PDB file of N, CA and C in Angstrom:
ATOM      1  N   UNK A   1      46.837  47.735   5.153  1.00  0.00           N
ATOM      2  CA  UNK A   1      47.709  46.761   4.684  1.00  0.00           C
ATOM      3  C   UNK A   1      47.082  45.484   3.870  1.00  0.00           C
ATOM      4  N   UNK A   2      47.301  44.808   3.031  1.00  0.00           N
ATOM      5  CA  UNK A   2      46.799  43.298   2.955  1.00  0.00           C
ATOM      6  C   UNK A   2      47.514  42.261   3.344  1.00  0.00           C
ATOM      7  N   UNK A   3      47.452  41.294   3.363  1.00  0.00           N
ATOM      8  CA  UNK A   3      47.749  40.208   4.254  1.00  0.00           C
ATOM      9  C   UNK A   3      47.432  38.993   3.047  1.00  0.00           C
ATOM     10  N   UNK A   4      48.869  38.294   2.393  1.00  0.00           N
ATOM     11  CA  UNK A   4      48.555  37.358   1.304  1.00  0.00           C
ATOM     12  C   UNK A   4      48.447  35.773   2.207  1.00  0.00           C
ATOM     13  N   UNK A   5      47.603  35.027   2.150  1.00  0.00           N
ATOM     14  CA  UNK A   5      47.288  33.733   2.739  1.00  0.00           C
ATOM     15  C   UNK A   5      48.024  32.732   1.114  1.00  0.00           C
ATOM     16  N   UNK A   6      48.452  31.469   1.811  1.00  0.00           N
ATOM     17  CA  UNK A   6      48.529  30.620   0.969  1.00  0.00           C
ATOM     18  C   UNK A   6      47.852  29.246   1.802  1.00  0.00           C
ATOM     19  N   UNK A   7      46.957  28.647   1.215  1.00  0.00           N
ATOM     20  CA  UNK A   7      46.151  27.684   1.735  1.00  0.00           C
ATOM     21  C   UNK A   7      46.078  26.462   1.044  1.00  0.00           C
ATOM     22  N   UNK A   8      46.275  25.136   1.370  1.00  0.00           N
ATOM     23  CA  UNK A   8      45.999  23.721   0.820  1.00  0.00           C
ATOM     24  C   UNK A   8      44.790  22.920   0.975  1.00  0.00           C
ATOM     25  N   UNK A   9      44.040  22.616  -0.084  1.00  0.00           N
ATOM     26  CA  UNK A   9      43.004  21.881   0.301  1.00  0.00           C
ATOM     27  C   UNK A   9      43.042  20.699  -0.259  1.00  0.00           C
ATOM     28  N   UNK A  10      43.017  19.815   0.542  1.00  0.00           N
ATOM     29  CA  UNK A  10      43.474  18.002  -0.045  1.00  0.00           C
ATOM     30  C   UNK A  10      41.753  17.820  -0.258  1.00  0.00           C
ATOM     31  N   UNK A  11      41.375  17.761  -1.541  1.00  0.00           N
ATOM     32  CA  UNK A  11      40.111  17.038  -1.527  1.00  0.00           C
ATOM     33  C   UNK A  11      40.082  15.789  -1.209  1.00  0.00           C
ATOM     34  N   UNK A  12      38.754  15.252  -0.783  1.00  0.00           N
ATOM     35  CA  UNK A  12      38.581  13.964  -0.299  1.00  0.00           C
ATOM     36  C   UNK A  12      38.204  12.943  -1.283  1.00  0.00           C
ATOM     37  N   UNK A  13      38.124  11.754  -1.404  1.00  0.00           N
ATOM     38  CA  UNK A  13      38.089  10.981  -2.839  1.00  0.00           C
ATOM     39  C   UNK A  13      36.661  11.256  -3.273  1.00  0.00           C
ATOM     40  N   UNK A  14      36.812  11.630  -5.007  1.00  0.00           N
ATOM     41  CA  UNK A  14      35.910  11.868  -5.684  1.00  0.00           C
ATOM     42  C   UNK A  14      35.089  13.097  -5.635  1.00  0.00           C
ATOM     43  N   UNK A  15      35.887  14.186  -4.765  1.00  0.00           N
ATOM     44  CA  UNK A  15      35.456  15.510  -4.688  1.00  0.00           C
ATOM     45  C   UNK A  15      36.339  16.593  -5.379  1.00  0.00           C
ATOM     46  N   UNK A  16      37.048  16.522  -6.423  1.00  0.00           N
ATOM     47  CA  UNK A  16      38.031  16.794  -6.938  1.00  0.00           C
ATOM     48  C   UNK A  16      37.629  18.138  -7.519  1.00  0.00           C
ATOM     49  N   UNK A  17      36.653  17.934  -8.519  1.00  0.00           N
ATOM     50  CA  UNK A  17      35.553  18.728  -9.376  1.00  0.00           C
ATOM     51  C   UNK A  17      34.641  19.816  -8.365  1.00  0.00           C
ATOM     52  N   UNK A  18      33.959  19.192  -7.570  1.00  0.00           N
ATOM     53  CA  UNK A  18      33.237  20.029  -6.691  1.00  0.00           C
ATOM     54  C   UNK A  18      34.467  21.110  -5.893  1.00  0.00           C
ATOM     55  N   UNK A  19      35.720  20.652  -5.499  1.00  0.00           N
ATOM     56  CA  UNK A  19      36.666  21.158  -4.734  1.00  0.00           C
ATOM     57  C   UNK A  19      36.553  22.752  -5.741  1.00  0.00           C
ATOM     58  N   UNK A  20      37.107  22.140  -6.967  1.00  0.00           N
ATOM     59  CA  UNK A  20      37.518  23.262  -8.014  1.00  0.00           C
ATOM     60  C   UNK A  20      36.377  24.451  -8.081  1.00  0.00           C
ATOM     61  N   UNK A  21      35.307  23.742  -8.154  1.00  0.00           N
ATOM     62  CA  UNK A  21      34.044  24.943  -8.267  1.00  0.00           C
ATOM     63  C   UNK A  21      33.800  25.933  -6.857  1.00  0.00           C
ATOM     64  N   UNK A  22      34.107  25.261  -5.745  1.00  0.00           N
ATOM     65  CA  UNK A  22      34.115  25.900  -4.532  1.00  0.00           C
ATOM     66  C   UNK A  22      35.290  27.027  -4.570  1.00  0.00           C
ATOM     67  N   UNK A  23      36.554  26.732  -5.127  1.00  0.00           N
ATOM     68  CA  UNK A  23      37.527  27.646  -5.170  1.00  0.00           C
ATOM     69  C   UNK A  23      37.451  28.639  -5.851  1.00  0.00           C
ATOM     70  N   UNK A  24      36.524  28.479  -7.113  1.00  0.00           N
ATOM     71  CA  UNK A  24      36.561  29.592  -8.058  1.00  0.00           C
ATOM     72  C   UNK A  24      35.413  30.595  -7.554  1.00  0.00           C
ATOM     73  N   UNK A  25      34.594  29.875  -6.711  1.00  0.00           N
ATOM     74  CA  UNK A  25      33.577  30.611  -5.716  1.00  0.00           C
ATOM     75  C   UNK A  25      34.047  31.688  -4.669  1.00  0.00           C
ATOM     76  N   UNK A  26      35.192  30.894  -4.362  1.00  0.00           N
ATOM     77  CA  UNK A  26      35.496  31.423  -3.117  1.00  0.00           C
ATOM     78  C   UNK A  26      35.812  32.764  -3.319  1.00  0.00           C
ATOM     79  N   UNK A  27      36.881  33.311  -4.284  1.00  0.00           N
ATOM     80  CA  UNK A  27      37.417  34.806  -4.004  1.00  0.00           C
ATOM     81  C   UNK A  27      36.178  35.470  -4.600  1.00  0.00           C
ATOM     82  N   UNK A  28      35.058  35.224  -5.207  1.00  0.00           N
ATOM     83  CA  UNK A  28      34.161  35.843  -5.695  1.00  0.00           C
ATOM     84  C   UNK A  28      32.993  36.432  -4.242  1.00  0.00           C
ATOM     85  N   UNK A  29      33.138  35.228  -3.438  1.00  0.00           N
ATOM     86  CA  UNK A  29      31.890  35.662  -1.907  1.00  0.00           C
ATOM     87  C   UNK A  29      33.143  36.494  -1.571  1.00  0.00           C
ATOM     88  N   UNK A  30      34.060  36.320  -1.344  1.00  0.00           N
ATOM     89  CA  UNK A  30      34.826  36.965  -0.546  1.00  0.00           C
ATOM     90  C   UNK A  30      34.914  38.426  -0.820  1.00  0.00           C
ATOM     91  N   UNK A  31      35.199  38.951  -2.083  1.00  0.00           N
ATOM     92  CA  UNK A  31      35.143  40.102  -2.707  1.00  0.00           C
ATOM     93  C   UNK A  31      33.923  40.443  -2.508  1.00  0.00           C
ATOM     94  N   UNK A  32      32.310  39.985  -2.703  1.00  0.00           N
ATOM     95  CA  UNK A  32      31.334  40.431  -2.600  1.00  0.00           C
ATOM     96  C   UNK A  32      30.876  41.106  -1.016  1.00  0.00           C
ATOM     97  N   UNK A  33      31.916  40.508  -0.309  1.00  0.00           N
ATOM     98  CA  UNK A  33      31.816  40.516   0.937  1.00  0.00           C
ATOM     99  C   UNK A  33      32.660  41.932   1.767  1.00  0.00           C
ATOM    100  N   UNK A  34      33.389  42.319   0.830  1.00  0.00           N
ATOM    101  CA  UNK A  34      34.728  43.446   0.902  1.00  0.00           C
ATOM    102  C   UNK A  34      35.563  42.882   1.717  1.00  0.00           C
ATOM    103  N   UNK A  35      36.021  41.601   1.549  1.00  0.00           N
ATOM    104  CA  UNK A  35      37.028  41.510   2.441  1.00  0.00           C
ATOM    105  C   UNK A  35      38.419  40.980   2.016  1.00  0.00           C
ATOM    106  N   UNK A  36      38.814  40.981   0.549  1.00  0.00           N
ATOM    107  CA  UNK A  36      39.695  40.900  -0.220  1.00  0.00           C
ATOM    108  C   UNK A  36      40.348  41.876  -0.951  1.00  0.00           C
ATOM    109  N   UNK A  37      41.496  42.134  -1.518  1.00  0.00           N
ATOM    110  CA  UNK A  37      41.786  42.835  -2.473  1.00  0.00           C
ATOM    111  C   UNK A  37      41.490  42.643  -3.746  1.00  0.00           C
ATOM    112  N   UNK A  38      41.447  43.497  -4.806  1.00  0.00           N
ATOM    113  CA  UNK A  38      41.228  43.486  -5.796  1.00  0.00           C
ATOM    114  C   UNK A  38      42.230  42.446  -6.942  1.00  0.00           C
ATOM    115  N   UNK A  39      43.494  41.771  -5.914  1.00  0.00           N
ATOM    116  CA  UNK A  39      44.465  41.452  -6.615  1.00  0.00           C
ATOM    117  C   UNK A  39      43.856  39.768  -7.348  1.00  0.00           C
ATOM    118  N   UNK A  40      44.283  39.447  -8.234  1.00  0.00           N
ATOM    119  CA  UNK A  40      43.760  38.104  -8.569  1.00  0.00           C
ATOM    120  C   UNK A  40      44.036  36.861  -7.869  1.00  0.00           C
ATOM    121  N   UNK A  41      43.663  35.699  -7.315  1.00  0.00           N
ATOM    122  CA  UNK A  41      43.927  34.722  -7.022  1.00  0.00           C
ATOM    123  C   UNK A  41      44.506  33.725  -7.475  1.00  0.00           C
ATOM    124  N   UNK A  42      45.527  33.325  -7.164  1.00  0.00           N
ATOM    125  CA  UNK A  42      46.507  31.932  -7.978  1.00  0.00           C
ATOM    126  C   UNK A  42      45.864  30.438  -7.366  1.00  0.00           C
ATOM    127  N   UNK A  43      45.656  29.695  -8.236  1.00  0.00           N
ATOM    128  CA  UNK A  43      45.498  28.440  -7.982  1.00  0.00           C
ATOM    129  C   UNK A  43      46.085  27.511  -8.537  1.00  0.00           C
ATOM    130  N   UNK A  44      46.570  26.689  -7.668  1.00  0.00           N
ATOM    131  CA  UNK A  44      47.601  25.465  -8.452  1.00  0.00           C
ATOM    132  C   UNK A  44      47.481  24.326  -7.724  1.00  0.00           C
ATOM    133  N   UNK A  45      47.961  23.268  -8.210  1.00  0.00           N
ATOM    134  CA  UNK A  45      47.709  21.513  -7.827  1.00  0.00           C
ATOM    135  C   UNK A  45      49.170  20.544  -7.397  1.00  0.00           C
ATOM    136  N   UNK A  46      49.132  19.989  -6.204  1.00  0.00           N
ATOM    137  CA  UNK A  46      50.479  19.645  -6.247  1.00  0.00           C
ATOM    138  C   UNK A  46      50.402  18.219  -6.844  1.00  0.00           C
ATOM    139  N   UNK A  47      51.422  17.556  -6.987  1.00  0.00           N
ATOM    140  CA  UNK A  47      51.646  16.554  -7.369  1.00  0.00           C
ATOM    141  C   UNK A  47      50.641  15.270  -7.308  1.00  0.00           C
ATOM    142  N   UNK A  48      50.385  15.256  -5.797  1.00  0.00           N
ATOM    143  CA  UNK A  48      49.240  14.406  -4.958  1.00  0.00           C
ATOM    144  C   UNK A  48      47.719  14.744  -5.236  1.00  0.00           C
ATOM    145  N   UNK A  49      47.723  15.792  -5.864  1.00  0.00           N
ATOM    146  CA  UNK A  49      46.328  16.394  -5.965  1.00  0.00           C
ATOM    147  C   UNK A  49      45.953  17.474  -5.332  1.00  0.00           C
ATOM    148  N   UNK A  50      46.374  17.950  -4.303  1.00  0.00           N
ATOM    149  CA  UNK A  50      46.200  18.777  -3.244  1.00  0.00           C
ATOM    150  C   UNK A  50      46.281  19.993  -3.844  1.00  0.00           C
ATOM    151  N   UNK A  51      45.001  21.068  -3.845  1.00  0.00           N
ATOM    152  CA  UNK A  51      44.972  22.394  -4.507  1.00  0.00           C
ATOM    153  C   UNK A  51      45.631  23.397  -3.649  1.00  0.00           C
ATOM    154  N   UNK A  52      46.476  24.165  -4.108  1.00  0.00           N
ATOM    155  CA  UNK A  52      46.984  25.468  -3.278  1.00  0.00           C
ATOM    156  C   UNK A  52      46.265  26.840  -3.935  1.00  0.00           C
ATOM    157  N   UNK A  53      45.584  27.573  -3.017  1.00  0.00           N
ATOM    158  CA  UNK A  53      45.268  28.974  -3.483  1.00  0.00           C
ATOM    159  C   UNK A  53      46.300  30.041  -2.574  1.00  0.00           C
ATOM    160  N   UNK A  54      46.222  30.968  -3.214  1.00  0.00           N
ATOM    161  CA  UNK A  54      47.128  32.180  -3.223  1.00  0.00           C
ATOM    162  C   UNK A  54      46.083  33.332  -3.155  1.00  0.00           C
ATOM    163  N   UNK A  55      46.029  34.046  -2.163  1.00  0.00           N
ATOM    164  CA  UNK A  55      45.053  35.316  -2.735  1.00  0.00           C
ATOM    165  C   UNK A  55      45.416  36.499  -1.103  1.00  0.00           C
ATOM    166  N   UNK A  56      44.911  37.576  -1.272  1.00  0.00           N
ATOM    167  CA  UNK A  56      45.282  38.734  -0.516  1.00  0.00           C
ATOM    168  C   UNK A  56      43.798  39.188   0.135  1.00  0.00           C
ATOM    169  N   UNK A  57      43.667  39.272   1.563  1.00  0.00           N
ATOM    170  CA  UNK A  57      42.922  39.435   2.367  1.00  0.00           C
ATOM    171  C   UNK A  57      42.970  41.139   2.564  1.00  0.00           C
ATOM    172  N   UNK A  58      41.951  41.778   2.534  1.00  0.00           N
ATOM    173  CA  UNK A  58      42.083  43.410   2.428  1.00  0.00           C
ATOM    174  C   UNK A  58      42.674  43.972   3.997  1.00  0.00           C
ATOM    175  N   UNK A  59      42.535  42.980   5.044  1.00  0.00           N
ATOM    176  CA  UNK A  59      43.635  43.345   6.101  1.00  0.00           C
ATOM    177  C   UNK A  59      43.343  42.219   7.023  1.00  0.00           C
ATOM    178  N   UNK A  60      44.186  42.498   8.130  1.00  0.00           N
ATOM    179  CA  UNK A  60      43.682  41.616   9.444  1.00  0.00           C
ATOM    180  C   UNK A  60      42.358  42.068   9.918  1.00  0.00           C
ATOM    181  N   UNK A  61      41.426  42.916   9.984  1.00  0.00           N
ATOM    182  CA  UNK A  61      39.942  43.354  10.377  1.00  0.00           C
ATOM    183  C   UNK A  61      39.395  42.399   9.246  1.00  0.00           C
ATOM    184  N   UNK A  62      40.076  42.406   8.422  1.00  0.00           N
ATOM    185  CA  UNK A  62      38.837  41.557   7.399  1.00  0.00           C
ATOM    186  C   UNK A  62      39.005  39.899   7.759  1.00  0.00           C
ATOM    187  N   UNK A  63      40.084  39.629   7.974  1.00  0.00           N
ATOM    188  CA  UNK A  63      40.022  38.155   8.075  1.00  0.00           C
ATOM    189  C   UNK A  63      38.914  38.083   9.575  1.00  0.00           C
ATOM    190  N   UNK A  64      39.163  38.790  10.431  1.00  0.00           N
ATOM    191  CA  UNK A  64      38.277  38.945  11.541  1.00  0.00           C
ATOM    192  C   UNK A  64      37.107  38.894  11.105  1.00  0.00           C
ATOM    193  N   UNK A  65      36.770  39.539  10.492  1.00  0.00           N
ATOM    194  CA  UNK A  65      35.209  39.989  10.089  1.00  0.00           C
ATOM    195  C   UNK A  65      34.746  38.466   9.264  1.00  0.00           C
ATOM    196  N   UNK A  66      35.831  37.896   8.604  1.00  0.00           N
ATOM    197  CA  UNK A  66      35.295  36.803   7.811  1.00  0.00           C
ATOM    198  C   UNK A  66      34.730  35.495   8.946  1.00  0.00           C
ATOM    199  N   UNK A  67      35.278  35.609  10.044  1.00  0.00           N
ATOM    200  CA  UNK A  67      34.867  34.465  10.854  1.00  0.00           C
ATOM    201  C   UNK A  67      33.594  34.817  11.519  1.00  0.00           C
ATOM    202  N   UNK A  68      33.086  36.005  11.234  1.00  0.00           N
ATOM    203  CA  UNK A  68      31.689  36.007  11.775  1.00  0.00           C
ATOM    204  C   UNK A  68      30.448  36.308  10.470  1.00  0.00           C
ATOM    205  N   UNK A  69      31.102  36.353   9.338  1.00  0.00           N
ATOM    206  CA  UNK A  69      30.018  36.671   8.078  1.00  0.00           C
ATOM    207  C   UNK A  69      29.514  35.465   7.632  1.00  0.00           C
ATOM    208  N   UNK A  70      28.007  35.309   7.645  1.00  0.00           N
ATOM    209  CA  UNK A  70      27.039  34.494   7.477  1.00  0.00           C
ATOM    210  C   UNK A  70      27.374  33.769   5.987  1.00  0.00           C
ATOM    211  N   UNK A  71      28.020  34.744   4.878  1.00  0.00           N
ATOM    212  CA  UNK A  71      27.874  34.161   3.454  1.00  0.00           C
ATOM    213  C   UNK A  71      29.484  33.472   3.604  1.00  0.00           C
ATOM    214  N   UNK A  72      30.081  33.842   4.155  1.00  0.00           N
ATOM    215  CA  UNK A  72      31.651  33.134   4.107  1.00  0.00           C
ATOM    216  C   UNK A  72      31.500  31.740   4.929  1.00  0.00           C
ATOM    217  N   UNK A  73      30.641  31.817   5.914  1.00  0.00           N
ATOM    218  CA  UNK A  73      30.692  30.848   6.982  1.00  0.00           C
ATOM    219  C   UNK A  73      29.965  29.830   6.003  1.00  0.00           C
ATOM    220  N   UNK A  74      29.068  30.154   5.461  1.00  0.00           N
ATOM    221  CA  UNK A  74      28.240  29.289   4.633  1.00  0.00           C
ATOM    222  C   UNK A  74      29.447  28.323   3.810  1.00  0.00           C
ATOM    223  N   UNK A  75      30.195  29.005   2.991  1.00  0.00           N
ATOM    224  CA  UNK A  75      31.008  28.787   1.781  1.00  0.00           C
ATOM    225  C   UNK A  75      32.083  27.875   2.491  1.00  0.00           C
ATOM    226  N   UNK A  76      32.468  28.119   3.611  1.00  0.00           N
ATOM    227  CA  UNK A  76      33.601  27.187   4.072  1.00  0.00           C
ATOM    228  C   UNK A  76      33.100  25.960   4.566  1.00  0.00           C
ATOM    229  N   UNK A  77      31.786  26.185   5.069  1.00  0.00           N
ATOM    230  CA  UNK A  77      31.063  24.939   5.337  1.00  0.00           C
ATOM    231  C   UNK A  77      31.007  23.831   4.441  1.00  0.00           C
ATOM    232  N   UNK A  78      30.828  24.297   3.234  1.00  0.00           N
ATOM    233  CA  UNK A  78      31.057  23.831   1.727  1.00  0.00           C
ATOM    234  C   UNK A  78      32.327  23.068   1.399  1.00  0.00           C
ATOM    235  N   UNK A  79      33.010  23.862   1.899  1.00  0.00           N
ATOM    236  CA  UNK A  79      34.440  23.512   1.757  1.00  0.00           C
ATOM    237  C   UNK A  79      34.678  22.240   2.660  1.00  0.00           C
ATOM    238  N   UNK A  80      34.221  22.335   3.842  1.00  0.00           N
ATOM    239  CA  UNK A  80      34.719  21.147   4.744  1.00  0.00           C
ATOM    240  C   UNK A  80      33.545  19.935   4.327  1.00  0.00           C
ATOM    241  N   UNK A  81      32.728  20.023   3.622  1.00  0.00           N
ATOM    242  CA  UNK A  81      32.392  18.864   3.085  1.00  0.00           C
ATOM    243  C   UNK A  81      32.787  17.874   1.828  1.00  0.00           C
ATOM    244  N   UNK A  82      33.903  18.816   1.465  1.00  0.00           N
ATOM    245  CA  UNK A  82      34.480  18.007   0.090  1.00  0.00           C
ATOM    246  C   UNK A  82      36.283  17.987   0.353  1.00  0.00           C
ATOM    247  N   UNK A  83      36.923  18.776   1.451  1.00  0.00           N
ATOM    248  CA  UNK A  83      38.059  18.560   1.559  1.00  0.00           C
ATOM    249  C   UNK A  83      38.820  18.783   2.811  1.00  0.00           C
ATOM    250  N   UNK A  84      40.172  18.424   2.894  1.00  0.00           N
ATOM    251  CA  UNK A  84      40.300  18.844   4.210  1.00  0.00           C
ATOM    252  C   UNK A  84      41.870  19.931   4.022  1.00  0.00           C
ATOM    253  N   UNK A  85      41.792  21.019   5.171  1.00  0.00           N
ATOM    254  CA  UNK A  85      42.875  21.763   4.997  1.00  0.00           C
ATOM    255  C   UNK A  85      43.969  21.110   5.310  1.00  0.00           C
ATOM    256  N   UNK A  86      45.289  21.300   4.810  1.00  0.00           N
ATOM    257  CA  UNK A  86      46.114  20.666   5.370  1.00  0.00           C
ATOM    258  C   UNK A  86      47.248  21.711   5.395  1.00  0.00           C
ATOM    259  N   UNK A  87      48.476  21.612   5.992  1.00  0.00           N
ATOM    260  CA  UNK A  87      49.637  22.586   5.829  1.00  0.00           C
ATOM    261  C   UNK A  87      50.330  22.649   4.739  1.00  0.00           C
ATOM    262  N   UNK A  88      50.480  23.671   4.503  1.00  0.00           N
ATOM    263  CA  UNK A  88      51.817  23.855   3.244  1.00  0.00           C
ATOM    264  C   UNK A  88      52.790  23.099   3.467  1.00  0.00           C
ATOM    265  N   UNK A  89      53.633  22.738   4.412  1.00  0.00           N
ATOM    266  CA  UNK A  89      54.570  21.974   4.928  1.00  0.00           C
ATOM    267  C   UNK A  89      54.454  20.265   4.782  1.00  0.00           C
ATOM    268  N   UNK A  90      53.148  20.042   4.713  1.00  0.00           N
ATOM    269  CA  UNK A  90      52.826  18.747   4.347  1.00  0.00           C
ATOM    270  C   UNK A  90      53.146  18.303   2.988  1.00  0.00           C
ATOM    271  N   UNK A  91      53.029  19.255   2.252  1.00  0.00           N
ATOM    272  CA  UNK A  91      53.044  19.179   0.436  1.00  0.00           C
ATOM    273  C   UNK A  91      54.701  18.641   0.208  1.00  0.00           C
ATOM    274  N   UNK A  92      54.933  17.379  -0.479  1.00  0.00           N
ATOM    275  CA  UNK A  92      56.470  17.665  -1.092  1.00  0.00           C
ATOM    276  C   UNK A  92      57.374  18.348  -1.740  1.00  0.00           C
ATOM    277  N   UNK A  93      56.601  19.275  -2.429  1.00  0.00           N
ATOM    278  CA  UNK A  93      56.558  20.361  -3.136  1.00  0.00           C
ATOM    279  C   UNK A  93      57.480  21.525  -1.970  1.00  0.00           C
ATOM    280  N   UNK A  94      56.821  21.609  -0.886  1.00  0.00           N
ATOM    281  CA  UNK A  94      57.284  22.500   0.105  1.00  0.00           C
ATOM    282  C   UNK A  94      59.237  22.588   0.414  1.00  0.00           C
ATOM    283  N   UNK A  95      59.344  21.140   0.527  1.00  0.00           N
ATOM    284  CA  UNK A  95      60.605  20.703   0.907  1.00  0.00           C
ATOM    285  C   UNK A  95      61.734  20.985  -0.071  1.00  0.00           C
ATOM    286  N   UNK A  96      61.416  21.813  -1.117  1.00  0.00           N
ATOM    287  CA  UNK A  96      62.387  21.843  -1.919  1.00  0.00           C
ATOM    288  C   UNK A  96      62.696  23.416  -2.350  1.00  0.00           C
ATOM    289  N   UNK A  97      63.748  23.655  -2.757  1.00  0.00           N
ATOM    290  CA  UNK A  97      64.245  25.170  -2.643  1.00  0.00           C
ATOM    291  C   UNK A  97      63.293  26.014  -3.307  1.00  0.00           C
ATOM    292  N   UNK A  98      62.848  25.622  -4.792  1.00  0.00           N
ATOM    293  CA  UNK A  98      62.022  26.259  -5.453  1.00  0.00           C
ATOM    294  C   UNK A  98      60.731  25.420  -5.493  1.00  0.00           C
ATOM    295  N   UNK A  99      59.488  25.330  -4.680  1.00  0.00           N
ATOM    296  CA  UNK A  99      58.171  24.700  -4.973  1.00  0.00           C
ATOM    297  C   UNK A  99      57.527  25.075  -6.267  1.00  0.00           C
ATOM    298  N   UNK A 100      57.266  24.065  -6.684  1.00  0.00           N
ATOM    299  CA  UNK A 100      56.735  23.653  -8.184  1.00  0.00           C
ATOM    300  C   UNK A 100      55.417  23.451  -8.258  1.00  0.00           C
ATOM    301  N   UNK A 101      54.354  24.167  -8.857  1.00  0.00           N
ATOM    302  CA  UNK A 101      53.054  23.527  -8.598  1.00  0.00           C
ATOM    303  C   UNK A 101      52.681  23.479 -10.172  1.00  0.00           C
ATOM    304  N   UNK A 102      51.375  22.656 -10.551  1.00  0.00           N
ATOM    305  CA  UNK A 102      50.991  23.018 -11.709  1.00  0.00           C
ATOM    306  C   UNK A 102      49.739  23.811 -11.752  1.00  0.00           C
ATOM    307  N   UNK A 103      49.770  24.790 -12.671  1.00  0.00           N
ATOM    308  CA  UNK A 103      48.999  26.006 -12.599  1.00  0.00           C
ATOM    309  C   UNK A 103      47.579  25.425 -12.827  1.00  0.00           C
ATOM    310  N   UNK A 104      46.480  25.946 -12.561  1.00  0.00           N
ATOM    311  CA  UNK A 104      45.127  25.871 -12.628  1.00  0.00           C
ATOM    312  C   UNK A 104      44.436  27.138 -13.487  1.00  0.00           C
ATOM    313  N   UNK A 105      43.849  26.920 -14.577  1.00  0.00           N
ATOM    314  CA  UNK A 105      43.256  28.285 -14.979  1.00  0.00           C
ATOM    315  C   UNK A 105      41.949  28.585 -14.195  1.00  0.00           C
TER     316      UNK A 105
END
């Protein structure tokens, strides 16, 4: 059974476009490694600029495998250079009954 994940990436100053490019690459790399389902990912933006991605891992085993996969680890290293991972609860939108974000293509 798949596992949905919601992750929030806070771009570092001047790294917004690089981060968007990495998010576009993210699901592609995970799919090439057989780690995610065929469902599309959803990417959105919080009012203060944090990007939120929702995607589905193929399984808990796929998540574990990702942590030892060289292609995934290389991609995650690129993310670490341009953003910080932040808890979804740190976004003001998450404190409302219906959290609203701007959709990104």
